[in-house]
Amino acid sequence: MNDPRTPLPSFGAFCLYWLRLGLTSFGGPAGQIAMMQSELVDRRRWIDQTRFLHALNFCMLLPGPEAQQLATYIGWRMYGMRGGLVAGGLFVLPGALVLLALSWIAAAHGDTGLVGALFDGIKPAVVAIIAAAVWRLGRRTLKGPAAVALAGAAFLALALLHLPFPLVIGGAAVIGGVAARTGRHWFAHPHPAGDDGSDGGSTTDPTAEPAPKAGRLLTLLGLGLVLWAVPVGAVLLAFGADPWRGIAALFTKAAFITFGGAYAVLPYIAGQAVDSYGWLSPREMIDGLALAETTPGPLILVTQYVGFFAGWNRPGALSPALAGTLGAALTTYVTFLPCFLFIFAGAPYLERLIHNRLAAGALAAIAAAVVGVILNLGVYLGMAVLLPDGQHTAGSLIWGWAIMLAALYALTRRGVAIHWVVAGGAAAGLIQALAASSL
């Protein structure tokens, strides 16, 4: 299914590449996509540049982590469904295993001096990472007054009106689609979809695939429902409803509304997990985001941490460690199952989708709204980390602000990689703890 001019590698070599990428895919989606571009297009020539860019544009139209979905698409392109499962699965698996171990450490030893000191330094760095993300995304996306207004409206809708996150994203999509339909170019397009001059229709190029057989989409949808219902039903029958029903419901819903990356959906997940379900505390939620920043793979793996704590704190008849592992596994499964389904169902329609003006307009409006959504997350976490309630010395607050500002400078002015910023925050937390203990 790849370019016929490029010979397929052996399936073993194919699997080894995706395992290596899964172990080294730090740096967020931009870095992960750049690694695939350099290795798969430029060096190995497993996929040509045109198909790679079209696949990337397609993945940007979908909810979920675009880098993982791009890996799944390339795997599907080369080896069909088994290739997509291997590529997308190995992109996630190493980070998931690392985060599982880190989640256990946080749950079992998070209150000890050493681990607590590490978290105290990492959390201000994470606030800086989110602030830098708002700055970069805003500069790239908010190109006109309509985009700025939509970002501001999204922030106010979440921060002051407390509207549901799906409603905010859905409203932005409708606004963008209506604007595109009426020919109003209010929002900057993050990709070239829709630049062909069409009016809600589609065009194709010589690389377009023939239309798939009728019924294929319904077959995949039915298979997806079975693959979701059987494992979830088995867990509910074996271990009862709490917290497993909530885990399945929350993270399945999140998988379908994760437009704009994990930062966009995290306030919704945090609000549900902390306030509605009571699975973990705000401090533990911030710790989870900090840990997810240190692991390879997509940032949306932070949901796995939340699922682990849901099981750990509501173990029922299981041990906390076993319940936490089950919660993490169930969360990861229902979070990423739709990602594979989106690719397998939509890939044959790729050319038609990426050139659809209505889809491009909706995505552009969502991208603008996501700036306000991520700003809301930054304010939510920033208040908890930099202006906390409770017993905190003036020295610890000043130190936290210093870490945050230093991390922000490193990210925005020096271009330091995120995992090094997190490591620097951890070191600063240890230094603070050592200094405090010597006084």
Protein backbone atom coordinates (compact mmCIF):
# COMPACT_ATOMS: atom_id res chain seq x y z
CA MET A 1 0.00 0.00 0.00
CA ASN A 2 3.03 2.30 0.03
CA ASP A 3 4.53 4.05 -2.99
CA PRO A 4 5.13 1.27 -5.53
CA ARG A 5 8.51 2.77 -6.42
CA THR A 6 9.75 2.20 -2.85
CA PRO A 7 10.30 -1.43 -1.76
CA LEU A 8 8.66 -2.45 1.49
CA PRO A 9 11.06 -3.12 4.37
CA SER A 10 10.82 -6.42 6.18
CA PHE A 11 8.05 -6.49 8.74
CA GLY A 12 10.67 -7.04 11.45
CA ALA A 13 12.57 -3.89 10.46
CA PHE A 14 9.24 -2.04 10.31
CA CYS A 15 8.38 -3.12 13.88
CA LEU A 16 11.83 -2.26 15.23
CA TYR A 17 11.62 1.28 13.86
CA TRP A 18 8.32 2.00 15.58
CA LEU A 19 9.56 0.51 18.83
CA ARG A 20 12.64 2.76 18.69
CA LEU A 21 10.47 5.79 17.95
CA GLY A 22 8.16 4.92 20.83
CA LEU A 23 11.16 4.83 23.19
CA THR A 24 12.59 8.17 22.01
CA SER A 25 9.54 10.25 21.05
CA PHE A 26 10.04 13.10 23.49
CA GLY A 27 9.32 16.72 22.59
CA GLY A 28 5.60 16.73 21.90
CA PRO A 29 3.82 16.33 18.55
CA ALA A 30 5.98 18.83 16.65
CA GLY A 31 9.17 16.97 17.54
CA GLN A 32 7.59 13.56 16.95
CA ILE A 33 6.30 14.54 13.50
CA ALA A 34 9.69 16.02 12.62
CA MET A 35 11.36 12.73 13.60
CA MET A 36 9.01 10.79 11.31
CA GLN A 37 9.56 13.24 8.46
CA SER A 38 13.33 12.97 8.74
CA GLU A 39 13.45 9.20 9.08
CA LEU A 40 10.54 7.89 6.99
CA VAL A 41 10.41 10.45 4.16
CA ASP A 42 13.97 11.75 3.82
CA ARG A 43 16.17 8.81 4.85
CA ARG A 44 14.27 5.55 4.51
CA ARG A 45 11.77 6.72 1.83
CA TRP A 46 9.05 4.45 3.19
CA ILE A 47 6.44 7.08 2.26
CA ASP A 48 6.66 9.97 -0.21
CA GLN A 49 6.45 13.63 0.82
CA THR A 50 3.03 14.23 -0.76
CA ARG A 51 1.34 11.36 1.02
CA PHE A 52 3.07 12.27 4.30
CA LEU A 53 1.77 15.86 4.17
CA HIS A 54 -1.71 14.79 3.12
CA ALA A 55 -1.79 12.28 5.98
CA LEU A 56 -0.66 14.96 8.43
CA ASN A 57 -3.39 17.34 7.25
CA PHE A 58 -5.93 14.54 7.61
CA CYS A 59 -4.80 13.75 11.15
CA MET A 60 -5.14 17.42 12.10
CA LEU A 61 -8.82 17.19 11.19
CA LEU A 62 -9.35 14.39 13.72
CA PRO A 63 -9.73 14.43 17.49
CA GLY A 64 -6.87 12.74 19.29
CA PRO A 65 -3.06 12.91 19.20
CA GLU A 66 -2.09 13.73 15.61
CA ALA A 67 1.43 12.26 15.84
CA GLN A 68 0.11 8.88 17.01
CA GLN A 69 -2.56 8.91 14.33
CA LEU A 70 0.02 9.85 11.69
CA ALA A 71 2.10 6.84 12.77
CA THR A 72 -1.01 4.67 12.51
CA TYR A 73 -1.77 5.97 9.03
CA ILE A 74 1.77 5.33 7.78
CA GLY A 75 1.65 1.82 9.21
CA TRP A 76 -1.72 1.23 7.51
CA ARG A 77 -0.35 2.60 4.26
CA MET A 78 2.54 0.13 4.31
CA TYR A 79 1.10 -3.06 5.84
CA GLY A 80 -2.64 -2.58 6.13
CA MET A 81 -4.41 -2.89 9.46
CA ARG A 82 -1.68 -4.97 11.11
CA GLY A 83 0.84 -2.26 10.17
CA GLY A 84 -1.41 0.45 11.59
CA LEU A 85 -1.88 -1.46 14.84
CA VAL A 86 1.86 -2.04 15.22
CA ALA A 87 2.92 1.51 14.36
CA GLY A 88 0.25 3.24 16.45
CA GLY A 89 0.55 0.75 19.30
CA LEU A 90 4.34 0.88 19.61
CA PHE A 91 4.21 4.67 19.45
CA VAL A 92 2.20 4.60 22.69
CA LEU A 93 3.28 1.44 24.55
CA PRO A 94 6.76 2.44 25.86
CA GLY A 95 5.50 5.72 27.29
CA ALA A 96 2.48 3.98 28.78
CA LEU A 97 4.68 1.48 30.61
CA VAL A 98 7.01 4.21 31.89
CA LEU A 99 4.07 6.31 33.07
CA LEU A 100 2.54 3.28 34.79
CA ALA A 101 5.69 2.88 36.87
CA LEU A 102 5.82 6.62 37.61
CA SER A 103 2.15 6.61 38.60
CA TRP A 104 2.81 3.86 41.15
CA ILE A 105 5.73 5.83 42.58
CA ALA A 106 3.57 8.95 42.84
CA ALA A 107 0.72 7.06 44.50
CA ALA A 108 2.84 5.01 46.90
CA HIS A 109 5.62 7.50 47.69
CA GLY A 110 4.41 10.91 46.50
CA ASP A 111 4.30 12.31 50.01
CA THR A 112 7.87 11.34 50.89
CA GLY A 113 10.52 14.03 51.06
CA LEU A 114 12.53 13.18 47.95
CA VAL A 115 9.60 12.57 45.59
CA GLY A 116 7.72 15.56 46.99
CA ALA A 117 10.73 17.81 46.41
CA LEU A 118 10.95 16.66 42.80
CA PHE A 119 7.29 17.46 42.22
CA ASP A 120 7.63 20.87 43.92
CA GLY A 121 10.22 21.81 41.31
CA ILE A 122 8.54 20.20 38.30
CA LYS A 123 5.11 21.77 38.76
CA PRO A 124 6.19 25.42 38.22
CA ALA A 125 8.07 24.24 35.12
CA VAL A 126 4.85 22.67 33.81
CA VAL A 127 3.02 25.99 34.27
CA ALA A 128 5.74 27.59 32.13
CA ILE A 129 5.38 24.85 29.50
CA ILE A 130 1.66 25.59 29.20
CA ALA A 131 2.27 29.35 29.05
CA ALA A 132 4.80 28.81 26.27
CA ALA A 133 2.29 26.62 24.41
CA VAL A 134 -0.33 29.39 24.60
CA TRP A 135 2.22 31.90 23.26
CA ARG A 136 3.38 29.73 20.36
CA LEU A 137 -0.10 28.58 19.36
CA GLY A 138 -1.53 32.08 19.68
CA ARG A 139 1.13 33.61 17.43
CA ARG A 140 0.50 30.96 14.79
CA THR A 141 -3.29 30.82 15.00
CA LEU A 142 -4.73 34.20 16.03
CA LYS A 143 -4.22 36.10 12.80
CA GLY A 144 -7.24 38.39 12.92
CA PRO A 145 -9.75 40.02 15.29
CA ALA A 146 -12.31 37.24 14.82
CA ALA A 147 -9.81 34.59 15.89
CA VAL A 148 -8.74 36.64 18.92
CA ALA A 149 -12.38 37.20 19.88
CA LEU A 150 -13.17 33.49 19.60
CA ALA A 151 -10.16 32.58 21.77
CA GLY A 152 -11.27 35.11 24.38
CA ALA A 153 -14.84 33.83 24.28
CA ALA A 154 -13.66 30.26 24.77
CA PHE A 155 -11.59 31.28 27.79
CA LEU A 156 -14.48 33.18 29.39
CA ALA A 157 -16.95 30.38 28.64
CA LEU A 158 -14.78 27.92 30.57
CA ALA A 159 -13.28 30.12 33.29
CA LEU A 160 -16.30 32.25 34.23
CA LEU A 161 -19.41 30.57 32.83
CA HIS A 162 -18.11 27.02 33.44
CA LEU A 163 -19.67 25.76 30.22
CA PRO A 164 -18.92 22.15 29.26
CA PHE A 165 -15.79 21.71 27.16
CA PRO A 166 -17.59 19.72 24.39
CA LEU A 167 -20.08 22.58 24.02
CA VAL A 168 -17.28 25.14 23.62
CA ILE A 169 -15.48 23.08 20.97
CA GLY A 170 -18.72 22.22 19.18
CA GLY A 171 -19.77 25.86 19.13
CA ALA A 172 -16.43 26.90 17.64
CA ALA A 173 -16.75 24.21 14.95
CA VAL A 174 -20.23 25.45 13.99
CA ILE A 175 -19.03 29.06 13.80
CA GLY A 176 -16.09 28.09 11.62
CA GLY A 177 -18.18 25.90 9.35
CA VAL A 178 -20.85 28.57 8.85
CA ALA A 179 -18.19 31.20 8.16
CA ALA A 180 -16.53 28.97 5.56
CA ARG A 181 -19.87 28.12 3.96
CA THR A 182 -20.70 31.81 3.52
CA GLY A 183 -17.24 32.59 2.15
CA ARG A 184 -15.97 34.55 5.17
CA HIS A 185 -12.30 33.95 5.90
CA TRP A 186 -12.40 34.88 9.57
CA PHE A 187 -9.92 32.35 10.89
CA ALA A 188 -6.38 31.38 9.88
CA HIS A 189 -6.15 27.90 8.42
CA PRO A 190 -3.48 25.78 10.15
CA HIS A 191 -3.07 23.62 7.03
CA PRO A 192 -3.67 23.94 3.29
CA ALA A 193 -7.03 22.17 3.27
CA GLY A 194 -9.67 24.20 1.48
CA ASP A 195 -7.21 26.32 -0.50
CA ASP A 196 -8.43 24.89 -3.76
CA GLY A 197 -11.27 27.37 -4.08
CA SER A 198 -14.01 24.81 -3.51
CA ASP A 199 -17.19 25.69 -1.69
CA GLY A 200 -17.68 22.84 0.72
CA GLY A 201 -16.95 20.23 -1.92
CA SER A 202 -13.83 18.20 -2.50
CA THR A 203 -11.13 17.72 -5.06
CA THR A 204 -8.54 15.06 -5.55
CA ASP A 205 -5.03 14.81 -6.86
CA PRO A 206 -3.26 11.94 -8.68
CA THR A 207 -2.47 10.21 -5.39
CA ALA A 208 -6.14 9.92 -4.37
CA GLU A 209 -7.47 6.48 -3.53
CA PRO A 210 -10.52 4.96 -5.24
CA ALA A 211 -13.72 5.09 -3.25
CA PRO A 212 -13.98 2.20 -0.76
CA LYS A 213 -16.67 -0.42 -1.05
CA ALA A 214 -20.10 0.34 0.34
CA GLY A 215 -20.60 -0.96 3.85
CA ARG A 216 -16.94 -0.77 4.85
CA LEU A 217 -17.56 2.15 7.19
CA LEU A 218 -20.50 0.42 8.87
CA THR A 219 -18.46 -2.76 9.30
CA LEU A 220 -15.63 -0.86 10.99
CA LEU A 221 -18.07 1.03 13.19
CA GLY A 222 -19.67 -2.22 14.30
CA LEU A 223 -16.28 -3.77 14.99
CA GLY A 224 -15.28 -0.70 17.02
CA LEU A 225 -18.42 -0.96 19.14
CA VAL A 226 -17.74 -4.63 19.84
CA LEU A 227 -14.09 -3.97 20.70
CA TRP A 228 -15.21 -1.29 23.16
CA ALA A 229 -18.20 -3.06 24.68
CA VAL A 230 -16.68 -6.51 25.31
CA PRO A 231 -13.65 -5.49 27.45
CA VAL A 232 -15.58 -2.73 29.25
CA GLY A 233 -18.47 -5.07 29.94
CA ALA A 234 -16.11 -7.76 31.21
CA VAL A 235 -14.51 -5.33 33.67
CA LEU A 236 -17.89 -4.14 34.92
CA LEU A 237 -19.17 -7.69 35.39
CA ALA A 238 -16.01 -8.81 37.17
CA PHE A 239 -15.35 -5.81 39.42
CA GLY A 240 -18.57 -3.80 39.68
CA ALA A 241 -19.44 -0.29 38.55
CA ASP A 242 -17.23 2.00 40.66
CA PRO A 243 -14.90 3.45 39.38
CA TRP A 244 -14.79 1.44 36.16
CA ARG A 245 -17.99 2.72 34.58
CA GLY A 246 -16.91 6.31 35.15
CA ILE A 247 -13.45 5.61 33.70
CA ALA A 248 -14.92 4.07 30.54
CA ALA A 249 -17.47 6.85 30.08
CA LEU A 250 -15.17 9.82 30.77
CA PHE A 251 -12.20 8.78 28.66
CA THR A 252 -14.27 7.47 25.77
CA LYS A 253 -15.98 10.84 25.60
CA ALA A 254 -12.62 12.62 25.88
CA ALA A 255 -11.25 10.61 22.95
CA PHE A 256 -13.94 12.05 20.68
CA ILE A 257 -13.45 15.71 21.69
CA THR A 258 -9.67 15.97 21.97
CA PHE A 259 -9.26 18.63 19.27
CA GLY A 260 -6.22 20.85 19.70
CA GLY A 261 -4.14 18.37 21.69
CA ALA A 262 -4.11 17.16 25.26
CA TYR A 263 -3.71 20.64 26.76
CA ALA A 264 -7.12 21.58 25.36
CA VAL A 265 -9.04 18.69 26.91
CA LEU A 266 -7.19 18.55 30.24
CA PRO A 267 -9.33 21.17 32.05
CA TYR A 268 -12.39 19.07 31.22
CA ILE A 269 -10.72 15.85 32.39
CA ALA A 270 -9.39 17.54 35.53
CA GLY A 271 -12.79 19.00 36.38
CA GLN A 272 -14.50 15.65 35.97
CA ALA A 273 -11.84 13.54 37.70
CA VAL A 274 -11.21 15.92 40.60
CA ASP A 275 -14.54 17.65 41.18
CA SER A 276 -17.19 15.27 39.84
CA TYR A 277 -15.74 11.82 40.54
CA GLY A 278 -13.28 12.69 43.33
CA TRP A 279 -10.69 10.21 42.05
CA LEU A 280 -7.71 12.41 42.93
CA SER A 281 -6.82 15.79 44.37
CA PRO A 282 -5.88 18.93 42.39
CA ARG A 283 -2.27 18.48 43.56
CA GLU A 284 -2.20 14.91 42.29
CA MET A 285 -3.67 16.05 38.96
CA ILE A 286 -0.86 18.55 38.52
CA ASP A 287 1.67 15.86 39.45
CA GLY A 288 0.24 13.66 36.70
CA LEU A 289 0.69 16.34 34.06
CA ALA A 290 4.24 16.84 35.25
CA LEU A 291 4.98 13.12 34.92
CA ALA A 292 3.39 12.92 31.47
CA GLU A 293 5.73 15.69 30.30
CA THR A 294 8.73 13.51 31.22
CA THR A 295 7.72 10.38 29.29
CA PRO A 296 7.90 9.55 25.57
CA GLY A 297 4.74 9.30 23.52
CA PRO A 298 1.67 11.56 23.29
CA LEU A 299 0.83 13.86 26.20
CA ILE A 300 -2.72 12.50 26.25
CA LEU A 301 -1.20 9.58 28.17
CA VAL A 302 -1.81 11.78 31.22
CA THR A 303 -5.29 10.24 31.14
CA GLN A 304 -3.67 6.93 32.07
CA TYR A 305 -2.30 8.51 35.25
CA VAL A 306 -5.80 9.70 36.15
CA GLY A 307 -7.17 6.22 35.54
CA PHE A 308 -4.45 4.73 37.75
CA PHE A 309 -5.37 7.01 40.64
CA ALA A 310 -9.06 6.27 40.14
CA GLY A 311 -8.32 2.59 40.68
CA TRP A 312 -5.75 3.18 43.43
CA ASN A 313 -8.12 5.34 45.48
CA ARG A 314 -11.23 3.18 44.77
CA PRO A 315 -9.77 -0.36 44.75
CA GLY A 316 -12.82 -2.22 46.06
CA ALA A 317 -11.87 -5.87 46.64
CA LEU A 318 -8.58 -5.49 44.72
CA SER A 319 -5.27 -4.32 46.08
CA PRO A 320 -4.55 -0.63 45.30
CA ALA A 321 -1.67 -1.52 42.98
CA LEU A 322 -3.75 -4.03 41.00
CA ALA A 323 -6.76 -1.71 40.85
CA GLY A 324 -4.53 1.14 39.73
CA THR A 325 -3.01 -0.99 36.98
CA LEU A 326 -6.46 -2.07 35.82
CA GLY A 327 -7.64 1.55 35.84
CA ALA A 328 -4.60 2.63 33.82
CA ALA A 329 -5.06 -0.18 31.28
CA LEU A 330 -8.78 0.49 30.85
CA THR A 331 -8.17 4.22 30.45
CA THR A 332 -5.47 3.76 27.82
CA TYR A 333 -7.60 1.26 25.92
CA VAL A 334 -10.72 3.41 25.63
CA THR A 335 -8.65 6.55 24.97
CA PHE A 336 -6.74 5.14 22.00
CA LEU A 337 -9.25 2.70 20.50
CA PRO A 338 -11.11 5.53 18.72
CA CYS A 339 -7.77 6.85 17.36
CA PHE A 340 -7.24 3.63 15.43
CA LEU A 341 -10.87 3.55 14.35
CA PHE A 342 -10.68 7.10 12.95
CA ILE A 343 -7.65 6.21 10.81
CA PHE A 344 -8.88 2.84 9.54
CA ALA A 345 -12.31 4.28 8.74
CA GLY A 346 -11.24 7.60 7.27
CA ALA A 347 -7.94 6.90 5.49
CA PRO A 348 -9.54 5.80 2.21
CA TYR A 349 -11.40 9.14 2.12
CA LEU A 350 -8.24 11.15 2.87
CA GLU A 351 -8.11 13.30 -0.25
CA ARG A 352 -11.79 14.15 -0.08
CA LEU A 353 -11.62 15.15 3.59
CA ILE A 354 -8.52 17.34 3.58
CA HIS A 355 -9.84 19.44 0.68
CA ASN A 356 -13.30 19.99 2.20
CA ARG A 357 -13.81 23.68 2.89
CA LEU A 358 -16.38 23.18 5.64
CA ALA A 359 -14.05 20.84 7.52
CA ALA A 360 -11.16 23.28 7.09
CA GLY A 361 -13.25 26.18 8.38
CA ALA A 362 -14.44 24.21 11.41
CA LEU A 363 -10.89 23.12 12.24
CA ALA A 364 -9.54 26.66 11.90
CA ALA A 365 -12.17 27.99 14.33
CA ILE A 366 -11.45 25.15 16.76
CA ALA A 367 -7.73 25.99 16.58
CA ALA A 368 -8.51 29.59 17.56
CA ALA A 369 -10.78 28.53 20.42
CA VAL A 370 -8.17 26.08 21.68
CA VAL A 371 -5.85 29.00 22.49
CA GLY A 372 -8.41 30.20 25.02
CA VAL A 373 -8.96 26.66 26.27
CA ILE A 374 -5.25 26.15 26.95
CA LEU A 375 -5.06 29.57 28.61
CA ASN A 376 -7.81 28.39 30.96
CA LEU A 377 -5.72 25.33 31.81
CA GLY A 378 -2.71 27.56 32.49
CA VAL A 379 -4.72 29.75 34.86
CA TYR A 380 -6.20 26.69 36.59
CA LEU A 381 -2.80 25.11 37.22
CA GLY A 382 -1.00 28.40 37.79
CA MET A 383 -3.33 29.36 40.62
CA ALA A 384 -2.85 25.99 42.28
CA VAL A 385 0.96 26.02 41.93
CA LEU A 386 1.98 29.68 42.23
CA LEU A 387 -0.82 31.04 44.45
CA PRO A 388 -1.77 28.00 46.55
CA ASP A 389 -3.97 27.88 49.60
CA GLY A 390 -2.67 26.39 52.83
CA GLN A 391 0.67 26.45 54.61
CA HIS A 392 3.40 27.70 52.27
CA THR A 393 6.35 29.83 53.26
CA ALA A 394 7.20 33.02 51.41
CA GLY A 395 10.51 31.44 50.42
CA SER A 396 8.86 28.43 48.76
CA LEU A 397 6.45 30.67 46.84
CA ILE A 398 9.29 32.89 45.61
CA TRP A 399 11.28 29.82 44.60
CA GLY A 400 8.29 28.47 42.66
CA TRP A 401 7.88 31.75 40.77
CA ALA A 402 11.63 31.79 40.03
CA ILE A 403 11.48 28.24 38.57
CA MET A 404 8.47 29.15 36.45
CA LEU A 405 10.06 32.32 35.04
CA ALA A 406 13.38 30.59 34.37
CA ALA A 407 11.60 27.74 32.59
CA LEU A 408 9.54 30.19 30.54
CA TYR A 409 12.71 32.02 29.46
CA ALA A 410 14.40 28.75 28.54
CA LEU A 411 11.44 27.66 26.41
CA THR A 412 10.60 30.91 24.64
CA ARG A 413 14.02 32.56 24.30
CA ARG A 414 16.56 29.76 24.32
CA GLY A 415 14.61 26.96 22.63
CA VAL A 416 15.42 24.39 25.32
CA ALA A 417 13.66 21.04 24.85
CA ILE A 418 10.72 20.35 27.17
CA HIS A 419 12.22 17.27 28.83
CA TRP A 420 15.33 19.27 29.79
CA VAL A 421 13.15 22.01 31.26
CA VAL A 422 11.31 19.41 33.33
CA ALA A 423 14.62 17.91 34.46
CA GLY A 424 15.84 21.38 35.44
CA GLY A 425 12.69 21.97 37.47
CA ALA A 426 13.20 18.67 39.28
CA ALA A 427 16.80 19.63 40.10
CA ALA A 428 15.64 23.02 41.38
CA GLY A 429 13.12 21.30 43.63
CA LEU A 430 15.86 19.13 45.14
CA ILE A 431 18.08 22.18 45.68
CA GLN A 432 15.25 23.96 47.46
CA ALA A 433 14.60 20.94 49.71
CA LEU A 434 18.32 20.60 50.57
CA ALA A 435 18.60 24.31 51.33
CA ALA A 436 15.52 24.20 53.57
CA SER A 437 16.79 21.17 55.47
CA SER A 438 20.15 22.82 56.17
CA LEU A 439 18.60 25.85 57.82
